Amino acid sequence: MPRFTDRCADWMFAAKRRLLGRERVRRTRLYCVGTAKSGTHSVTGMFSETVRGRHESGVVELLENIFAWQQGRITEEQFAQCLHARDRKLALEVDATWVHIATIDILLRDFSNARVLLTIRDCYSWCNSMMNHSLRFEEKINSVWREWLDSRFRPDLFQHATEERMLKDKGLYTLDGYLSYWAKHNEEVLAKVPSPRLLTVRTDQLRERALDIADFAGLPRRAIRLERTHEFRNPTKHDIIRQIDRNFLEAKVEKYCKPLMTRFFPEIRSLDDARL
């Protein structure tokens, strides 16, 4: 009987959305703003088709508007109008992209029901995964994405040290670039989002916290698909991070990541403890 009741509720909601329009019939606005390779793809995948969730939908246009605003070619008011137009067009209930780190202030200000999910992955496995991802998609990265990556990992500021020459040879960024951004991104979300509107979940706990995510967002638990809480695995993995001078690596982690690692990953004290 409960299953029949749930199906009827989902059918009625779908009918209402078709009748009144998806823009007007939304149960929530959940923005997943974890760094890339922290489970943002899995967050949209874990919900059934009854939930309008997308991963990096329309992100190239979003990036173009972000750069236009940051470079003074449009005003903040015009940029906010772009965000509102995007919101009306996509009408998402779950919107996942690390690019929203640049829009979070306006989203929180303009959408009173906006909730933020921060997925956070330990800095070792995250850094290794970012490197693998970059190698896999290097030839497919367009100029807009390259500009975004450069603005995050700052090759203009950080030069490769002798200990990480291998990263330079592979066309990867520096450890300073990767790890300083990991810390900056996560710290910025934690600092800007009021605690009642923020849920922080470790990437390796997405499955066990899936129902908590649904509850936080105000979405029905029945919409969760636990079998899809680890989407978009990289089919080819190389332990690139293990090829870097160990003392050099641990010194960079100590410099940039220790406070957050101690807070969220107290059991990971070195590369030996990380699950790559």
C-alpha atoms as a PDB file:
ATOM      1  CA  MET A   1       0.000   0.000   0.000  1.00  0.00           C
ATOM      2  CA  PRO A   2       2.731   2.571   0.820  1.00  0.00           C
ATOM      3  CA  ARG A   3       4.422   1.858  -2.519  1.00  0.00           C
ATOM      4  CA  PHE A   4       1.137   2.426  -4.354  1.00  0.00           C
ATOM      5  CA  THR A   5       0.614   5.674  -2.450  1.00  0.00           C
ATOM      6  CA  ASP A   6       4.123   6.847  -3.320  1.00  0.00           C
ATOM      7  CA  ARG A   7       3.591   6.096  -7.000  1.00  0.00           C
ATOM      8  CA  CYS A   8       0.350   8.050  -6.971  1.00  0.00           C
ATOM      9  CA  ALA A   9       2.088  10.988  -5.300  1.00  0.00           C
ATOM     10  CA  ASP A  10       4.870  10.937  -7.906  1.00  0.00           C
ATOM     11  CA  TRP A  11       2.343  10.723 -10.739  1.00  0.00           C
ATOM     12  CA  MET A  12       0.344  13.655  -9.361  1.00  0.00           C
ATOM     13  CA  PHE A  13       3.483  15.730  -8.946  1.00  0.00           C
ATOM     14  CA  ALA A  14       4.599  14.941 -12.509  1.00  0.00           C
ATOM     15  CA  ALA A  15       1.164  15.882 -13.828  1.00  0.00           C
ATOM     16  CA  LYS A  16       1.216  19.149 -11.890  1.00  0.00           C
ATOM     17  CA  ARG A  17       4.669  19.964 -13.256  1.00  0.00           C
ATOM     18  CA  ARG A  18       3.525  19.310 -16.833  1.00  0.00           C
ATOM     19  CA  LEU A  19       0.401  21.411 -16.308  1.00  0.00           C
ATOM     20  CA  LEU A  20       1.910  24.422 -14.555  1.00  0.00           C
ATOM     21  CA  GLY A  21       5.443  24.226 -15.934  1.00  0.00           C
ATOM     22  CA  ARG A  22       8.651  22.923 -14.401  1.00  0.00           C
ATOM     23  CA  GLU A  23       9.813  26.433 -13.502  1.00  0.00           C
ATOM     24  CA  ARG A  24       6.841  26.982 -11.174  1.00  0.00           C
ATOM     25  CA  VAL A  25       6.668  23.476  -9.721  1.00  0.00           C
ATOM     26  CA  ARG A  26       9.870  22.844  -7.832  1.00  0.00           C
ATOM     27  CA  ARG A  27      10.306  21.369  -4.394  1.00  0.00           C
ATOM     28  CA  THR A  28      13.776  22.712  -3.793  1.00  0.00           C
ATOM     29  CA  ARG A  29      16.905  24.393  -5.113  1.00  0.00           C
ATOM     30  CA  LEU A  30      19.860  22.288  -4.048  1.00  0.00           C
ATOM     31  CA  TYR A  31      23.242  23.467  -5.275  1.00  0.00           C
ATOM     32  CA  CYS A  32      26.064  20.943  -5.001  1.00  0.00           C
ATOM     33  CA  VAL A  33      29.236  23.008  -5.021  1.00  0.00           C
ATOM     34  CA  GLY A  34      31.962  20.534  -4.123  1.00  0.00           C
ATOM     35  CA  THR A  35      35.184  20.672  -6.083  1.00  0.00           C
ATOM     36  CA  ALA A  36      35.404  18.690  -9.290  1.00  0.00           C
ATOM     37  CA  LYS A  37      36.067  14.989  -8.611  1.00  0.00           C
ATOM     38  CA  SER A  38      34.397  15.162  -5.195  1.00  0.00           C
ATOM     39  CA  GLY A  39      31.173  13.351  -6.099  1.00  0.00           C
ATOM     40  CA  THR A  40      29.159  16.144  -7.703  1.00  0.00           C
ATOM     41  CA  HIS A  41      28.274  13.868 -10.623  1.00  0.00           C
ATOM     42  CA  SER A  42      27.082  11.181  -8.225  1.00  0.00           C
ATOM     43  CA  VAL A  43      24.827  13.636  -6.399  1.00  0.00           C
ATOM     44  CA  THR A  44      22.704  14.216  -9.483  1.00  0.00           C
ATOM     45  CA  GLY A  45      22.870  10.546 -10.448  1.00  0.00           C
ATOM     46  CA  MET A  46      21.607   9.303  -7.098  1.00  0.00           C
ATOM     47  CA  PHE A  47      18.131  10.756  -7.636  1.00  0.00           C
ATOM     48  CA  SER A  48      15.427   9.143  -9.772  1.00  0.00           C
ATOM     49  CA  GLU A  49      13.849  10.716 -12.836  1.00  0.00           C
ATOM     50  CA  THR A  50      11.212  12.350 -10.618  1.00  0.00           C
ATOM     51  CA  VAL A  51      13.888  14.846  -9.550  1.00  0.00           C
ATOM     52  CA  ARG A  52      15.186  17.392 -12.041  1.00  0.00           C
ATOM     53  CA  GLY A  53      18.911  17.092 -11.439  1.00  0.00           C
ATOM     54  CA  ARG A  54      21.767  17.926 -13.804  1.00  0.00           C
ATOM     55  CA  HIS A  55      25.551  17.932 -13.591  1.00  0.00           C
ATOM     56  CA  GLU A  56      27.303  20.946 -15.136  1.00  0.00           C
ATOM     57  CA  SER A  57      24.325  21.771 -17.320  1.00  0.00           C
ATOM     58  CA  GLY A  58      24.957  24.806 -19.538  1.00  0.00           C
ATOM     59  CA  VAL A  59      28.262  25.313 -17.787  1.00  0.00           C
ATOM     60  CA  VAL A  60      30.167  26.820 -20.744  1.00  0.00           C
ATOM     61  CA  GLU A  61      27.644  29.652 -21.039  1.00  0.00           C
ATOM     62  CA  LEU A  62      27.741  30.039 -17.266  1.00  0.00           C
ATOM     63  CA  LEU A  63      31.527  30.339 -17.345  1.00  0.00           C
ATOM     64  CA  GLU A  64      31.382  32.919 -20.125  1.00  0.00           C
ATOM     65  CA  ASN A  65      29.016  35.024 -18.027  1.00  0.00           C
ATOM     66  CA  ILE A  66      31.187  34.616 -14.931  1.00  0.00           C
ATOM     67  CA  PHE A  67      34.257  35.856 -16.788  1.00  0.00           C
ATOM     68  CA  ALA A  68      32.298  38.739 -18.316  1.00  0.00           C
ATOM     69  CA  TRP A  69      31.271  39.816 -14.805  1.00  0.00           C
ATOM     70  CA  GLN A  70      34.679  39.310 -13.210  1.00  0.00           C
ATOM     71  CA  GLN A  71      36.393  41.191 -16.028  1.00  0.00           C
ATOM     72  CA  GLY A  72      33.985  44.131 -15.831  1.00  0.00           C
ATOM     73  CA  ARG A  73      32.263  43.590 -19.152  1.00  0.00           C
ATOM     74  CA  ILE A  74      28.881  43.248 -17.423  1.00  0.00           C
ATOM     75  CA  THR A  75      27.698  44.521 -14.054  1.00  0.00           C
ATOM     76  CA  GLU A  76      26.821  42.337 -11.072  1.00  0.00           C
ATOM     77  CA  GLU A  77      23.155  43.143 -11.672  1.00  0.00           C
ATOM     78  CA  GLN A  78      23.426  41.946 -15.279  1.00  0.00           C
ATOM     79  CA  PHE A  79      25.224  38.808 -14.134  1.00  0.00           C
ATOM     80  CA  ALA A  80      22.479  38.141 -11.588  1.00  0.00           C
ATOM     81  CA  GLN A  81      19.952  38.479 -14.399  1.00  0.00           C
ATOM     82  CA  CYS A  82      21.909  35.829 -16.319  1.00  0.00           C
ATOM     83  CA  LEU A  83      21.681  33.496 -13.315  1.00  0.00           C
ATOM     84  CA  HIS A  84      17.944  34.065 -13.059  1.00  0.00           C
ATOM     85  CA  ALA A  85      17.518  33.381 -16.778  1.00  0.00           C
ATOM     86  CA  ARG A  86      19.523  30.179 -16.394  1.00  0.00           C
ATOM     87  CA  ASP A  87      17.391  29.178 -13.431  1.00  0.00           C
ATOM     88  CA  ARG A  88      14.165  29.702 -15.387  1.00  0.00           C
ATOM     89  CA  LYS A  89      15.484  27.845 -18.408  1.00  0.00           C
ATOM     90  CA  LEU A  90      16.811  24.783 -16.590  1.00  0.00           C
ATOM     91  CA  ALA A  91      14.338  24.755 -13.662  1.00  0.00           C
ATOM     92  CA  LEU A  92      16.582  22.392 -11.728  1.00  0.00           C
ATOM     93  CA  GLU A  93      15.925  20.976  -8.300  1.00  0.00           C
ATOM     94  CA  VAL A  94      19.484  19.653  -8.001  1.00  0.00           C
ATOM     95  CA  ASP A  95      22.168  21.710  -9.746  1.00  0.00           C
ATOM     96  CA  ALA A  96      25.704  20.353  -9.373  1.00  0.00           C
ATOM     97  CA  THR A  97      28.871  22.054 -10.564  1.00  0.00           C
ATOM     98  CA  TRP A  98      32.002  23.338  -8.873  1.00  0.00           C
ATOM     99  CA  VAL A  99      31.661  26.453 -11.020  1.00  0.00           C
ATOM    100  CA  HIS A 100      28.965  27.667  -8.617  1.00  0.00           C
ATOM    101  CA  ILE A 101      31.734  28.614  -6.194  1.00  0.00           C
ATOM    102  CA  ALA A 102      31.805  31.855  -8.216  1.00  0.00           C
ATOM    103  CA  THR A 103      28.037  32.420  -7.999  1.00  0.00           C
ATOM    104  CA  ILE A 104      27.278  31.295  -4.461  1.00  0.00           C
ATOM    105  CA  ASP A 105      26.841  34.766  -2.954  1.00  0.00           C
ATOM    106  CA  ILE A 106      24.183  35.718  -5.483  1.00  0.00           C
ATOM    107  CA  LEU A 107      22.426  32.351  -5.325  1.00  0.00           C
ATOM    108  CA  LEU A 108      22.085  32.614  -1.547  1.00  0.00           C
ATOM    109  CA  ARG A 109      20.929  36.226  -1.787  1.00  0.00           C
ATOM    110  CA  ASP A 110      18.407  35.852  -4.590  1.00  0.00           C
ATOM    111  CA  PHE A 111      16.899  32.424  -3.867  1.00  0.00           C
ATOM    112  CA  SER A 112      15.576  32.193  -0.325  1.00  0.00           C
ATOM    113  CA  ASN A 113      15.018  28.438  -0.611  1.00  0.00           C
ATOM    114  CA  ALA A 114      18.519  27.708  -1.925  1.00  0.00           C
ATOM    115  CA  ARG A 115      20.356  24.990  -0.044  1.00  0.00           C
ATOM    116  CA  VAL A 116      24.033  24.129  -0.513  1.00  0.00           C
ATOM    117  CA  LEU A 117      25.617  20.695  -0.450  1.00  0.00           C
ATOM    118  CA  LEU A 118      29.389  20.631  -0.078  1.00  0.00           C
ATOM    119  CA  THR A 119      30.909  17.310  -1.043  1.00  0.00           C
ATOM    120  CA  ILE A 120      34.455  17.088   0.250  1.00  0.00           C
ATOM    121  CA  ARG A 121      37.105  14.534  -0.666  1.00  0.00           C
ATOM    122  CA  ASP A 122      40.415  14.008   1.094  1.00  0.00           C
ATOM    123  CA  CYS A 123      43.138  16.081  -0.526  1.00  0.00           C
ATOM    124  CA  TYR A 124      45.332  13.106  -1.515  1.00  0.00           C
ATOM    125  CA  SER A 125      42.792  11.089  -3.483  1.00  0.00           C
ATOM    126  CA  TRP A 126      41.227  14.304  -4.820  1.00  0.00           C
ATOM    127  CA  CYS A 127      44.529  15.590  -6.170  1.00  0.00           C
ATOM    128  CA  ASN A 128      45.336  12.236  -7.736  1.00  0.00           C
ATOM    129  CA  SER A 129      41.886  12.064  -9.317  1.00  0.00           C
ATOM    130  CA  MET A 130      42.144  15.593 -10.718  1.00  0.00           C
ATOM    131  CA  MET A 131      45.448  14.705 -12.337  1.00  0.00           C
ATOM    132  CA  ASN A 132      43.995  11.553 -13.866  1.00  0.00           C
ATOM    133  CA  HIS A 133      40.957  13.449 -15.088  1.00  0.00           C
ATOM    134  CA  SER A 134      43.124  16.117 -16.702  1.00  0.00           C
ATOM    135  CA  LEU A 135      45.203  13.534 -18.545  1.00  0.00           C
ATOM    136  CA  ARG A 136      42.085  11.772 -19.775  1.00  0.00           C
ATOM    137  CA  PHE A 137      40.384  14.896 -21.149  1.00  0.00           C
ATOM    138  CA  GLU A 138      43.345  17.129 -21.993  1.00  0.00           C
ATOM    139  CA  GLU A 139      42.627  17.169 -25.723  1.00  0.00           C
ATOM    140  CA  LYS A 140      38.910  17.857 -25.193  1.00  0.00           C
ATOM    141  CA  ILE A 141      39.258  20.913 -22.950  1.00  0.00           C
ATOM    142  CA  ASN A 142      38.026  24.047 -24.733  1.00  0.00           C
ATOM    143  CA  SER A 143      39.390  27.533 -24.179  1.00  0.00           C
ATOM    144  CA  VAL A 144      36.701  28.559 -21.694  1.00  0.00           C
ATOM    145  CA  TRP A 145      37.358  25.541 -19.484  1.00  0.00           C
ATOM    146  CA  ARG A 146      41.093  26.138 -19.747  1.00  0.00           C
ATOM    147  CA  GLU A 147      40.623  29.712 -18.583  1.00  0.00           C
ATOM    148  CA  TRP A 148      38.597  28.456 -15.623  1.00  0.00           C
ATOM    149  CA  LEU A 149      41.190  25.846 -14.679  1.00  0.00           C
ATOM    150  CA  ASP A 150      43.997  28.384 -14.933  1.00  0.00           C
ATOM    151  CA  SER A 151      42.038  30.764 -12.702  1.00  0.00           C
ATOM    152  CA  ARG A 152      41.704  28.012 -10.094  1.00  0.00           C
ATOM    153  CA  PHE A 153      45.166  26.413 -10.178  1.00  0.00           C
ATOM    154  CA  ARG A 154      47.129  29.584 -10.989  1.00  0.00           C
ATOM    155  CA  PRO A 155      50.013  28.620 -13.302  1.00  0.00           C
ATOM    156  CA  ASP A 156      50.775  32.351 -13.399  1.00  0.00           C
ATOM    157  CA  LEU A 157      51.521  32.254  -9.676  1.00  0.00           C
ATOM    158  CA  PHE A 158      53.006  28.803  -9.108  1.00  0.00           C
ATOM    159  CA  GLN A 159      55.962  27.366 -11.005  1.00  0.00           C
ATOM    160  CA  HIS A 160      56.939  23.688 -10.997  1.00  0.00           C
ATOM    161  CA  ALA A 161      59.640  22.744  -8.541  1.00  0.00           C
ATOM    162  CA  THR A 162      62.359  20.214  -9.340  1.00  0.00           C
ATOM    163  CA  GLU A 163      60.548  17.598  -7.229  1.00  0.00           C
ATOM    164  CA  GLU A 164      57.461  17.814  -9.458  1.00  0.00           C
ATOM    165  CA  ARG A 165      59.096  18.052 -12.865  1.00  0.00           C
ATOM    166  CA  MET A 166      57.106  14.987 -13.856  1.00  0.00           C
ATOM    167  CA  LEU A 167      53.874  16.989 -13.474  1.00  0.00           C
ATOM    168  CA  LYS A 168      55.200  19.675 -15.803  1.00  0.00           C
ATOM    169  CA  ASP A 169      56.207  17.082 -18.381  1.00  0.00           C
ATOM    170  CA  LYS A 170      52.648  15.693 -18.333  1.00  0.00           C
ATOM    171  CA  GLY A 171      51.091  19.142 -18.725  1.00  0.00           C
ATOM    172  CA  LEU A 172      49.686  19.148 -15.185  1.00  0.00           C
ATOM    173  CA  TYR A 173      49.553  21.972 -12.662  1.00  0.00           C
ATOM    174  CA  THR A 174      51.737  22.276  -9.560  1.00  0.00           C
ATOM    175  CA  LEU A 175      50.963  20.815  -6.144  1.00  0.00           C
ATOM    176  CA  ASP A 176      50.759  24.391  -4.885  1.00  0.00           C
ATOM    177  CA  GLY A 177      48.059  25.036  -7.478  1.00  0.00           C
ATOM    178  CA  TYR A 178      46.018  21.934  -6.774  1.00  0.00           C
ATOM    179  CA  LEU A 179      46.247  21.858  -2.985  1.00  0.00           C
ATOM    180  CA  SER A 180      45.871  25.583  -2.362  1.00  0.00           C
ATOM    181  CA  TYR A 181      42.707  25.544  -4.439  1.00  0.00           C
ATOM    182  CA  TRP A 182      41.337  22.468  -2.660  1.00  0.00           C
ATOM    183  CA  ALA A 183      41.658  24.335   0.618  1.00  0.00           C
ATOM    184  CA  LYS A 184      40.413  27.681  -0.705  1.00  0.00           C
ATOM    185  CA  HIS A 185      37.318  26.229  -2.370  1.00  0.00           C
ATOM    186  CA  ASN A 186      36.177  24.235   0.643  1.00  0.00           C
ATOM    187  CA  GLU A 187      36.996  26.969   3.143  1.00  0.00           C
ATOM    188  CA  GLU A 188      35.092  29.529   1.087  1.00  0.00           C
ATOM    189  CA  VAL A 189      31.916  27.452   1.041  1.00  0.00           C
ATOM    190  CA  LEU A 190      32.146  26.743   4.760  1.00  0.00           C
ATOM    191  CA  ALA A 191      32.665  30.435   5.514  1.00  0.00           C
ATOM    192  CA  LYS A 192      29.986  31.871   3.229  1.00  0.00           C
ATOM    193  CA  VAL A 193      27.031  29.533   3.634  1.00  0.00           C
ATOM    194  CA  PRO A 194      25.006  29.860   6.857  1.00  0.00           C
ATOM    195  CA  SER A 195      24.927  26.551   8.723  1.00  0.00           C
ATOM    196  CA  PRO A 196      21.115  26.046   8.388  1.00  0.00           C
ATOM    197  CA  ARG A 197      21.520  26.178   4.602  1.00  0.00           C
ATOM    198  CA  LEU A 198      24.634  23.994   4.356  1.00  0.00           C
ATOM    199  CA  LEU A 199      25.193  20.245   4.455  1.00  0.00           C
ATOM    200  CA  THR A 200      28.746  18.917   4.234  1.00  0.00           C
ATOM    201  CA  VAL A 201      29.256  15.289   3.227  1.00  0.00           C
ATOM    202  CA  ARG A 202      32.476  13.380   2.715  1.00  0.00           C
ATOM    203  CA  THR A 203      32.692  11.877  -0.762  1.00  0.00           C
ATOM    204  CA  ASP A 204      33.343   8.406   0.635  1.00  0.00           C
ATOM    205  CA  GLN A 205      30.144   8.683   2.692  1.00  0.00           C
ATOM    206  CA  LEU A 206      27.752   9.686  -0.076  1.00  0.00           C
ATOM    207  CA  ARG A 207      25.985   6.332  -0.041  1.00  0.00           C
ATOM    208  CA  GLU A 208      25.429   6.205   3.702  1.00  0.00           C
ATOM    209  CA  ARG A 209      24.397   9.886   3.795  1.00  0.00           C
ATOM    210  CA  ALA A 210      22.136   9.763   0.726  1.00  0.00           C
ATOM    211  CA  LEU A 211      18.914   9.862   2.725  1.00  0.00           C
ATOM    212  CA  ASP A 212      20.282  12.760   4.783  1.00  0.00           C
ATOM    213  CA  ILE A 213      20.872  14.640   1.526  1.00  0.00           C
ATOM    214  CA  ALA A 214      17.293  14.024   0.410  1.00  0.00           C
ATOM    215  CA  ASP A 215      15.944  15.176   3.783  1.00  0.00           C
ATOM    216  CA  PHE A 216      18.130  18.288   3.761  1.00  0.00           C
ATOM    217  CA  ALA A 217      16.970  19.185   0.255  1.00  0.00           C
ATOM    218  CA  GLY A 218      13.318  18.535   1.043  1.00  0.00           C
ATOM    219  CA  LEU A 219      13.054  15.768  -1.526  1.00  0.00           C
ATOM    220  CA  PRO A 220      11.318  12.408  -0.969  1.00  0.00           C
ATOM    221  CA  ARG A 221      13.549   9.612   0.263  1.00  0.00           C
ATOM    222  CA  ARG A 222      11.959   7.269  -2.253  1.00  0.00           C
ATOM    223  CA  ALA A 223      13.704   9.253  -5.011  1.00  0.00           C
ATOM    224  CA  ILE A 224      17.126   8.034  -3.852  1.00  0.00           C
ATOM    225  CA  ARG A 225      18.870   5.310  -5.865  1.00  0.00           C
ATOM    226  CA  LEU A 226      21.632   4.002  -3.650  1.00  0.00           C
ATOM    227  CA  GLU A 227      23.193   1.949  -6.427  1.00  0.00           C
ATOM    228  CA  ARG A 228      24.114   5.161  -8.257  1.00  0.00           C
ATOM    229  CA  THR A 229      25.989   6.963  -5.502  1.00  0.00           C
ATOM    230  CA  HIS A 230      29.343   6.516  -7.214  1.00  0.00           C
ATOM    231  CA  GLU A 231      28.954   7.799 -10.759  1.00  0.00           C
ATOM    232  CA  PHE A 232      31.543   8.767 -13.367  1.00  0.00           C
ATOM    233  CA  ARG A 233      34.455   6.660 -12.220  1.00  0.00           C
ATOM    234  CA  ASN A 234      37.635   7.229 -14.181  1.00  0.00           C
ATOM    235  CA  PRO A 235      38.211   3.977 -16.124  1.00  0.00           C
ATOM    236  CA  THR A 236      41.982   4.479 -16.157  1.00  0.00           C
ATOM    237  CA  LYS A 237      43.772   5.282 -12.940  1.00  0.00           C
ATOM    238  CA  HIS A 238      47.399   6.136 -12.437  1.00  0.00           C
ATOM    239  CA  ASP A 239      48.813   6.796  -8.999  1.00  0.00           C
ATOM    240  CA  ILE A 240      50.534   9.928 -10.212  1.00  0.00           C
ATOM    241  CA  ILE A 241      50.705  11.389  -6.751  1.00  0.00           C
ATOM    242  CA  ARG A 242      52.877   8.491  -5.576  1.00  0.00           C
ATOM    243  CA  GLN A 243      55.480   9.422  -8.183  1.00  0.00           C
ATOM    244  CA  ILE A 244      56.134  12.790  -6.525  1.00  0.00           C
ATOM    245  CA  ASP A 245      58.853  13.182  -3.924  1.00  0.00           C
ATOM    246  CA  ARG A 246      57.150  12.088  -0.712  1.00  0.00           C
ATOM    247  CA  ASN A 247      58.622  14.693   1.621  1.00  0.00           C
ATOM    248  CA  PHE A 248      57.793  17.429  -0.876  1.00  0.00           C
ATOM    249  CA  LEU A 249      54.183  16.219  -1.130  1.00  0.00           C
ATOM    250  CA  GLU A 250      53.614  15.962   2.613  1.00  0.00           C
ATOM    251  CA  ALA A 251      55.095  19.433   3.140  1.00  0.00           C
ATOM    252  CA  LYS A 252      52.565  20.894   0.669  1.00  0.00           C
ATOM    253  CA  VAL A 253      49.686  19.067   2.335  1.00  0.00           C
ATOM    254  CA  GLU A 254      50.844  20.381   5.699  1.00  0.00           C
ATOM    255  CA  LYS A 255      51.035  23.912   4.317  1.00  0.00           C
ATOM    256  CA  TYR A 256      47.615  24.086   2.675  1.00  0.00           C
ATOM    257  CA  CYS A 257      45.369  21.282   3.820  1.00  0.00           C
ATOM    258  CA  LYS A 258      46.054  20.331   7.422  1.00  0.00           C
ATOM    259  CA  PRO A 259      43.171  22.246   9.115  1.00  0.00           C
ATOM    260  CA  LEU A 260      40.482  20.806   6.850  1.00  0.00           C
ATOM    261  CA  MET A 261      42.048  17.357   6.750  1.00  0.00           C
ATOM    262  CA  THR A 262      42.177  17.265  10.554  1.00  0.00           C
ATOM    263  CA  ARG A 263      38.562  18.399  10.754  1.00  0.00           C
ATOM    264  CA  PHE A 264      37.021  16.113   8.154  1.00  0.00           C
ATOM    265  CA  PHE A 265      39.547  13.296   7.684  1.00  0.00           C
ATOM    266  CA  PRO A 266      41.285  12.797  11.051  1.00  0.00           C
ATOM    267  CA  GLU A 267      42.120   9.191  10.180  1.00  0.00           C
ATOM    268  CA  ILE A 268      44.193  10.236   7.133  1.00  0.00           C
ATOM    269  CA  ARG A 269      47.527  11.475   8.414  1.00  0.00           C
ATOM    270  CA  SER A 270      49.627  10.848   5.319  1.00  0.00           C
ATOM    271  CA  LEU A 271      49.484   9.444   1.819  1.00  0.00           C
ATOM    272  CA  ASP A 272      49.747   5.945   3.306  1.00  0.00           C
ATOM    273  CA  ASP A 273      46.279   6.321   4.840  1.00  0.00           C
ATOM    274  CA  ALA A 274      44.550   7.584   1.696  1.00  0.00           C
ATOM    275  CA  ARG A 275      42.556   5.328  -0.602  1.00  0.00           C
ATOM    276  CA  LEU A 276      43.477   6.360  -4.108  1.00  0.00           C
END
